[in-house]
Amino acid sequence: MFTGLVQDLGTVERMVPGGVTDVWLHSNFDPADFKHGESISCDGVCLTVVESRGSSFRVQAAPETLSRSTLGAWSTGTRVNLEKALRVGDRLGGHWVQGHVDGVGELLEVTPDGGTWRLRLSLPSALAPFFVEKGSVCIDGVSLTITHVDAHSFGVMLIPETWAKTSLSQKRPGAKVNLEADIVGKFVAKMIGQRGGLTEAQLRLAGFIA
């Protein structure tokens, strides 16, 4: 489990394709943090540390991961947002992030706005039910607040700290990004779907209608 608060901007050193793709990344983390089997978020994808050497560590990606995320397009030099797994008792500054990518979106626009940056991204139709204005979304491992949603896109705003400390500032329109919808929204949508939708009687019983 993660929070979507990026702790380091790592760099892909090399990709070793095979049945399972090995990925070596360089980071500024303390090497002592990388224990065998440790989970780490790499651009929003939860991966397992299988080896570490000094300031570098190796993770492995299965074909399923490559097909469902942007990881398959990584190459030497790719900058990657990194976050270590949340410890029990840590502050939850972002929102609950599983590291399970729900879909891949496309960056459509980047607009400077008074010292901040507005990003507009495509919204895959399958994820649309989970996106609401002022709700949370994880983009390439970064926890952000949705500023608007329409039929085919959504927007977020980046403050200077996020712009400087994550790889989002390096992306241009047309770039692909990993999207993870808010876990709470996904569970609520699932529960409502199983019950055939909300009725006026259910809302009245829950106290939403007087």
C-alpha atoms as a PDB file:
ATOM      1  CA  MET A   1       0.000   0.000   0.000  1.00  0.00           C
ATOM      2  CA  PHE A   2       1.201   3.517  -0.865  1.00  0.00           C
ATOM      3  CA  THR A   3       0.063   7.130  -0.504  1.00  0.00           C
ATOM      4  CA  GLY A   4       0.948   8.642  -3.872  1.00  0.00           C
ATOM      5  CA  LEU A   5       3.555  10.964  -2.346  1.00  0.00           C
ATOM      6  CA  VAL A   6       6.683  10.564  -4.472  1.00  0.00           C
ATOM      7  CA  GLN A   7       9.857  10.148  -2.410  1.00  0.00           C
ATOM      8  CA  ASP A   8      12.489  10.025  -5.137  1.00  0.00           C
ATOM      9  CA  LEU A   9      12.916  10.420  -8.882  1.00  0.00           C
ATOM     10  CA  GLY A  10      14.774   7.331 -10.060  1.00  0.00           C
ATOM     11  CA  THR A  11      16.348   6.490 -13.402  1.00  0.00           C
ATOM     12  CA  VAL A  12      16.117   3.295 -15.434  1.00  0.00           C
ATOM     13  CA  GLU A  13      19.638   1.914 -15.882  1.00  0.00           C
ATOM     14  CA  ARG A  14      18.760  -1.027 -18.082  1.00  0.00           C
ATOM     15  CA  MET A  15      15.937  -3.330 -19.129  1.00  0.00           C
ATOM     16  CA  VAL A  16      16.572  -7.050 -19.534  1.00  0.00           C
ATOM     17  CA  PRO A  17      13.659  -8.594 -21.467  1.00  0.00           C
ATOM     18  CA  GLY A  18      12.664 -12.219 -21.131  1.00  0.00           C
ATOM     19  CA  GLY A  19       9.750 -14.266 -19.860  1.00  0.00           C
ATOM     20  CA  VAL A  20       9.906 -11.845 -16.937  1.00  0.00           C
ATOM     21  CA  THR A  21      11.509  -8.461 -17.621  1.00  0.00           C
ATOM     22  CA  ASP A  22      14.254  -7.400 -15.213  1.00  0.00           C
ATOM     23  CA  VAL A  23      14.496  -3.652 -14.609  1.00  0.00           C
ATOM     24  CA  TRP A  24      17.473  -2.027 -12.915  1.00  0.00           C
ATOM     25  CA  LEU A  25      16.868   1.435 -11.459  1.00  0.00           C
ATOM     26  CA  HIS A  26      19.126   3.958  -9.765  1.00  0.00           C
ATOM     27  CA  SER A  27      17.775   5.892  -6.774  1.00  0.00           C
ATOM     28  CA  ASN A  28      18.859   8.104  -3.890  1.00  0.00           C
ATOM     29  CA  PHE A  29      17.297   5.807  -1.304  1.00  0.00           C
ATOM     30  CA  ASP A  30      19.363   4.325   1.501  1.00  0.00           C
ATOM     31  CA  PRO A  31      20.475   0.886   0.236  1.00  0.00           C
ATOM     32  CA  ALA A  32      19.592  -0.527   3.658  1.00  0.00           C
ATOM     33  CA  ASP A  33      15.924   0.102   2.837  1.00  0.00           C
ATOM     34  CA  PHE A  34      15.931  -2.464   0.074  1.00  0.00           C
ATOM     35  CA  LYS A  35      15.278  -5.833   1.617  1.00  0.00           C
ATOM     36  CA  HIS A  36      14.567  -8.867  -0.552  1.00  0.00           C
ATOM     37  CA  GLY A  37      10.838  -8.925  -1.286  1.00  0.00           C
ATOM     38  CA  GLU A  38      10.276  -5.235  -0.498  1.00  0.00           C
ATOM     39  CA  SER A  39       7.412  -3.570  -2.395  1.00  0.00           C
ATOM     40  CA  ILE A  40       8.059  -0.294  -4.191  1.00  0.00           C
ATOM     41  CA  SER A  41       5.894   1.907  -6.388  1.00  0.00           C
ATOM     42  CA  CYS A  42       7.527   2.677  -9.755  1.00  0.00           C
ATOM     43  CA  ASP A  43       5.440   5.219 -11.675  1.00  0.00           C
ATOM     44  CA  GLY A  44       2.429   3.912  -9.781  1.00  0.00           C
ATOM     45  CA  VAL A  45       3.136   0.231 -10.425  1.00  0.00           C
ATOM     46  CA  CYS A  46       3.695  -1.934  -7.342  1.00  0.00           C
ATOM     47  CA  LEU A  47       6.805  -4.028  -7.982  1.00  0.00           C
ATOM     48  CA  THR A  48       9.005  -6.287  -5.850  1.00  0.00           C
ATOM     49  CA  VAL A  49      12.663  -5.611  -5.129  1.00  0.00           C
ATOM     50  CA  VAL A  50      14.542  -8.819  -5.919  1.00  0.00           C
ATOM     51  CA  GLU A  51      18.125  -7.502  -5.720  1.00  0.00           C
ATOM     52  CA  SER A  52      20.041  -4.380  -4.700  1.00  0.00           C
ATOM     53  CA  ARG A  53      23.591  -3.222  -5.351  1.00  0.00           C
ATOM     54  CA  GLY A  54      24.650   0.056  -3.790  1.00  0.00           C
ATOM     55  CA  SER A  55      22.333   2.780  -5.063  1.00  0.00           C
ATOM     56  CA  SER A  56      20.742   0.502  -7.672  1.00  0.00           C
ATOM     57  CA  PHE A  57      18.000  -2.080  -7.308  1.00  0.00           C
ATOM     58  CA  ARG A  58      16.294  -4.628  -9.532  1.00  0.00           C
ATOM     59  CA  VAL A  59      12.593  -5.306  -9.918  1.00  0.00           C
ATOM     60  CA  GLN A  60      10.771  -7.747 -12.169  1.00  0.00           C
ATOM     61  CA  ALA A  61       7.742  -7.178 -14.382  1.00  0.00           C
ATOM     62  CA  ALA A  62       5.503  -9.909 -15.738  1.00  0.00           C
ATOM     63  CA  PRO A  63       3.908  -9.718 -19.210  1.00  0.00           C
ATOM     64  CA  GLU A  64       0.610  -8.707 -17.537  1.00  0.00           C
ATOM     65  CA  THR A  65       2.306  -5.664 -16.000  1.00  0.00           C
ATOM     66  CA  LEU A  66       3.922  -4.692 -19.287  1.00  0.00           C
ATOM     67  CA  SER A  67       0.613  -4.890 -21.147  1.00  0.00           C
ATOM     68  CA  ARG A  68      -1.418  -2.922 -18.601  1.00  0.00           C
ATOM     69  CA  SER A  69       0.981  -0.091 -17.836  1.00  0.00           C
ATOM     70  CA  THR A  70       3.544   2.203 -19.448  1.00  0.00           C
ATOM     71  CA  LEU A  71       6.396   0.073 -18.116  1.00  0.00           C
ATOM     72  CA  GLY A  72       6.774  -1.739 -21.422  1.00  0.00           C
ATOM     73  CA  ALA A  73       7.841   1.554 -23.042  1.00  0.00           C
ATOM     74  CA  TRP A  74      10.599   2.300 -20.514  1.00  0.00           C
ATOM     75  CA  SER A  75      14.200   2.417 -21.700  1.00  0.00           C
ATOM     76  CA  THR A  76      17.600   3.414 -20.342  1.00  0.00           C
ATOM     77  CA  GLY A  77      17.346   6.942 -18.942  1.00  0.00           C
ATOM     78  CA  THR A  78      13.590   6.953 -18.297  1.00  0.00           C
ATOM     79  CA  ARG A  79      12.812   8.927 -15.134  1.00  0.00           C
ATOM     80  CA  VAL A  80      10.546   7.059 -12.724  1.00  0.00           C
ATOM     81  CA  ASN A  81       8.562   8.267  -9.705  1.00  0.00           C
ATOM     82  CA  LEU A  82       9.449   6.095  -6.693  1.00  0.00           C
ATOM     83  CA  GLU A  83       7.684   5.550  -3.380  1.00  0.00           C
ATOM     84  CA  LYS A  84       8.499   2.978  -0.721  1.00  0.00           C
ATOM     85  CA  ALA A  85       5.655   0.987   0.810  1.00  0.00           C
ATOM     86  CA  LEU A  86       3.674   2.648   3.594  1.00  0.00           C
ATOM     87  CA  ARG A  87       4.618   1.599   7.121  1.00  0.00           C
ATOM     88  CA  VAL A  88       1.930   1.100   9.770  1.00  0.00           C
ATOM     89  CA  GLY A  89       1.752   4.345  11.738  1.00  0.00           C
ATOM     90  CA  ASP A  90       3.062   6.571   8.925  1.00  0.00           C
ATOM     91  CA  ARG A  91       1.136   9.716   8.045  1.00  0.00           C
ATOM     92  CA  LEU A  92      -1.269   9.308   5.143  1.00  0.00           C
ATOM     93  CA  GLY A  93      -0.619  12.544   3.283  1.00  0.00           C
ATOM     94  CA  GLY A  94      -2.017  11.556  -0.112  1.00  0.00           C
ATOM     95  CA  HIS A  95      -4.671   8.853  -0.461  1.00  0.00           C
ATOM     96  CA  TRP A  96      -4.797   5.053  -0.394  1.00  0.00           C
ATOM     97  CA  VAL A  97      -2.906   3.803  -3.458  1.00  0.00           C
ATOM     98  CA  GLN A  98      -2.543   0.090  -4.219  1.00  0.00           C
ATOM     99  CA  GLY A  99      -0.066   0.295  -7.072  1.00  0.00           C
ATOM    100  CA  HIS A 100      -2.509  -1.617  -9.288  1.00  0.00           C
ATOM    101  CA  VAL A 101      -2.818   0.315 -12.551  1.00  0.00           C
ATOM    102  CA  ASP A 102      -6.423   0.519 -13.815  1.00  0.00           C
ATOM    103  CA  GLY A 103      -5.622   1.950 -17.209  1.00  0.00           C
ATOM    104  CA  VAL A 104      -3.328   4.090 -19.326  1.00  0.00           C
ATOM    105  CA  GLY A 105      -4.253   7.671 -20.178  1.00  0.00           C
ATOM    106  CA  GLU A 106      -2.776  10.255 -22.527  1.00  0.00           C
ATOM    107  CA  LEU A 107      -1.595  13.712 -21.586  1.00  0.00           C
ATOM    108  CA  LEU A 108      -3.589  16.121 -23.766  1.00  0.00           C
ATOM    109  CA  GLU A 109      -2.633  19.577 -22.537  1.00  0.00           C
ATOM    110  CA  VAL A 110      -0.238  21.300 -20.129  1.00  0.00           C
ATOM    111  CA  THR A 111      -1.196  24.881 -19.266  1.00  0.00           C
ATOM    112  CA  PRO A 112       0.771  27.179 -16.910  1.00  0.00           C
ATOM    113  CA  ASP A 113      -1.577  28.989 -14.529  1.00  0.00           C
ATOM    114  CA  GLY A 114      -0.219  31.531 -12.052  1.00  0.00           C
ATOM    115  CA  GLY A 115       2.753  29.501 -10.863  1.00  0.00           C
ATOM    116  CA  THR A 116       0.911  26.187 -11.105  1.00  0.00           C
ATOM    117  CA  TRP A 117       0.315  23.866 -14.039  1.00  0.00           C
ATOM    118  CA  ARG A 118      -3.017  22.496 -15.236  1.00  0.00           C
ATOM    119  CA  LEU A 119      -2.936  19.096 -16.916  1.00  0.00           C
ATOM    120  CA  ARG A 120      -5.756  17.683 -19.012  1.00  0.00           C
ATOM    121  CA  LEU A 121      -5.675  13.946 -19.674  1.00  0.00           C
ATOM    122  CA  SER A 122      -7.775  11.450 -21.580  1.00  0.00           C
ATOM    123  CA  LEU A 123     -10.191   9.400 -19.510  1.00  0.00           C
ATOM    124  CA  PRO A 124     -10.619   5.736 -20.525  1.00  0.00           C
ATOM    125  CA  SER A 125     -14.340   4.994 -20.693  1.00  0.00           C
ATOM    126  CA  ALA A 126     -14.004   2.004 -18.340  1.00  0.00           C
ATOM    127  CA  LEU A 127     -12.673   4.310 -15.597  1.00  0.00           C
ATOM    128  CA  ALA A 128     -15.188   7.132 -16.037  1.00  0.00           C
ATOM    129  CA  PRO A 129     -17.581   5.889 -13.292  1.00  0.00           C
ATOM    130  CA  PHE A 130     -14.794   6.234 -10.679  1.00  0.00           C
ATOM    131  CA  PHE A 131     -13.737   9.805 -11.532  1.00  0.00           C
ATOM    132  CA  VAL A 132     -15.489  12.695  -9.778  1.00  0.00           C
ATOM    133  CA  GLU A 133     -14.591  16.347  -9.354  1.00  0.00           C
ATOM    134  CA  LYS A 134     -12.529  16.857  -6.156  1.00  0.00           C
ATOM    135  CA  GLY A 135     -11.932  13.116  -5.976  1.00  0.00           C
ATOM    136  CA  SER A 136      -8.490  11.514  -5.892  1.00  0.00           C
ATOM    137  CA  VAL A 137      -6.507   9.945  -8.713  1.00  0.00           C
ATOM    138  CA  CYS A 138      -3.018   8.463  -8.932  1.00  0.00           C
ATOM    139  CA  ILE A 139      -1.102   9.485 -12.076  1.00  0.00           C
ATOM    140  CA  ASP A 140       2.273   7.767 -12.557  1.00  0.00           C
ATOM    141  CA  GLY A 141       2.400   7.215  -8.800  1.00  0.00           C
ATOM    142  CA  VAL A 142       1.452  10.807  -7.906  1.00  0.00           C
ATOM    143  CA  SER A 143      -1.613  11.456  -5.735  1.00  0.00           C
ATOM    144  CA  LEU A 144      -3.605  14.343  -7.229  1.00  0.00           C
ATOM    145  CA  THR A 145      -7.026  15.942  -6.904  1.00  0.00           C
ATOM    146  CA  ILE A 146      -9.347  15.919  -9.910  1.00  0.00           C
ATOM    147  CA  THR A 147     -10.312  19.489 -10.845  1.00  0.00           C
ATOM    148  CA  HIS A 148     -12.866  18.669 -13.520  1.00  0.00           C
ATOM    149  CA  VAL A 149     -14.301  15.713 -15.440  1.00  0.00           C
ATOM    150  CA  ASP A 150     -16.102  15.572 -18.761  1.00  0.00           C
ATOM    151  CA  ALA A 151     -17.135  12.736 -21.060  1.00  0.00           C
ATOM    152  CA  HIS A 152     -13.660  11.939 -22.343  1.00  0.00           C
ATOM    153  CA  SER A 153     -11.104  13.764 -20.190  1.00  0.00           C
ATOM    154  CA  PHE A 154     -10.250  15.016 -16.728  1.00  0.00           C
ATOM    155  CA  GLY A 155      -8.000  17.659 -15.245  1.00  0.00           C
ATOM    156  CA  VAL A 156      -5.590  18.045 -12.332  1.00  0.00           C
ATOM    157  CA  MET A 157      -3.427  20.908 -11.066  1.00  0.00           C
ATOM    158  CA  LEU A 158       0.232  20.645 -10.018  1.00  0.00           C
ATOM    159  CA  ILE A 159       1.801  22.928  -7.449  1.00  0.00           C
ATOM    160  CA  PRO A 160       5.488  23.898  -7.899  1.00  0.00           C
ATOM    161  CA  GLU A 161       6.650  21.217  -5.421  1.00  0.00           C
ATOM    162  CA  THR A 162       4.973  18.435  -7.392  1.00  0.00           C
ATOM    163  CA  TRP A 163       6.191  19.895 -10.675  1.00  0.00           C
ATOM    164  CA  ALA A 164       9.794  19.961  -9.431  1.00  0.00           C
ATOM    165  CA  LYS A 165       9.910  16.627  -7.618  1.00  0.00           C
ATOM    166  CA  THR A 166       8.134  14.282 -10.064  1.00  0.00           C
ATOM    167  CA  SER A 167       8.506  13.178 -13.676  1.00  0.00           C
ATOM    168  CA  LEU A 168       5.197  14.813 -14.670  1.00  0.00           C
ATOM    169  CA  SER A 169       7.025  18.058 -15.490  1.00  0.00           C
ATOM    170  CA  GLN A 170       9.028  16.215 -18.146  1.00  0.00           C
ATOM    171  CA  LYS A 171       6.013  14.892 -20.030  1.00  0.00           C
ATOM    172  CA  ARG A 172       4.576  16.534 -23.116  1.00  0.00           C
ATOM    173  CA  PRO A 173       1.181  16.176 -24.832  1.00  0.00           C
ATOM    174  CA  GLY A 174       0.910  12.701 -26.292  1.00  0.00           C
ATOM    175  CA  ALA A 175       2.777  11.043 -23.415  1.00  0.00           C
ATOM    176  CA  LYS A 176       1.154   7.993 -21.844  1.00  0.00           C
ATOM    177  CA  VAL A 177       0.638   7.777 -18.072  1.00  0.00           C
ATOM    178  CA  ASN A 178      -0.481   5.131 -15.597  1.00  0.00           C
ATOM    179  CA  LEU A 179      -3.849   5.772 -13.964  1.00  0.00           C
ATOM    180  CA  GLU A 180      -5.216   4.296 -10.756  1.00  0.00           C
ATOM    181  CA  ALA A 181      -8.704   5.301  -9.690  1.00  0.00           C
ATOM    182  CA  ASP A 182      -9.529   5.930  -6.040  1.00  0.00           C
ATOM    183  CA  ILE A 183      -9.979   2.569  -4.316  1.00  0.00           C
ATOM    184  CA  VAL A 184     -12.960   3.861  -2.308  1.00  0.00           C
ATOM    185  CA  GLY A 185     -14.786   4.864  -5.487  1.00  0.00           C
ATOM    186  CA  LYS A 186     -14.140   1.470  -7.051  1.00  0.00           C
ATOM    187  CA  PHE A 187     -15.582  -0.411  -4.088  1.00  0.00           C
ATOM    188  CA  VAL A 188     -18.613   1.869  -3.846  1.00  0.00           C
ATOM    189  CA  ALA A 189     -19.320   1.457  -7.568  1.00  0.00           C
ATOM    190  CA  LYS A 190     -19.000  -2.323  -7.220  1.00  0.00           C
ATOM    191  CA  MET A 191     -21.410  -2.450  -4.282  1.00  0.00           C
ATOM    192  CA  ILE A 192     -23.971  -0.254  -6.028  1.00  0.00           C
ATOM    193  CA  GLY A 193     -23.724  -2.353  -9.187  1.00  0.00           C
ATOM    194  CA  GLN A 194     -24.305  -5.575  -7.275  1.00  0.00           C
ATOM    195  CA  ARG A 195     -27.443  -4.098  -5.711  1.00  0.00           C
ATOM    196  CA  GLY A 196     -28.869  -2.924  -9.009  1.00  0.00           C
ATOM    197  CA  GLY A 197     -28.219   0.794  -8.381  1.00  0.00           C
ATOM    198  CA  LEU A 198     -29.463   3.205  -5.737  1.00  0.00           C
ATOM    199  CA  THR A 199     -33.166   3.807  -5.279  1.00  0.00           C
ATOM    200  CA  GLU A 200     -34.982   6.690  -3.598  1.00  0.00           C
ATOM    201  CA  ALA A 201     -36.032   4.313  -0.841  1.00  0.00           C
ATOM    202  CA  GLN A 202     -32.427   3.319  -0.119  1.00  0.00           C
ATOM    203  CA  LEU A 203     -31.344   6.965  -0.024  1.00  0.00           C
ATOM    204  CA  ARG A 204     -34.247   7.825   2.297  1.00  0.00           C
ATOM    205  CA  LEU A 205     -33.368   4.918   4.598  1.00  0.00           C
ATOM    206  CA  ALA A 206     -29.735   6.081   4.727  1.00  0.00           C
ATOM    207  CA  GLY A 207     -30.849   9.594   5.711  1.00  0.00           C
ATOM    208  CA  PHE A 208     -29.937  11.411   2.493  1.00  0.00           C
ATOM    209  CA  ILE A 209     -33.570  12.311   1.785  1.00  0.00           C
ATOM    210  CA  ALA A 210     -35.837  13.702   4.490  1.00  0.00           C
END
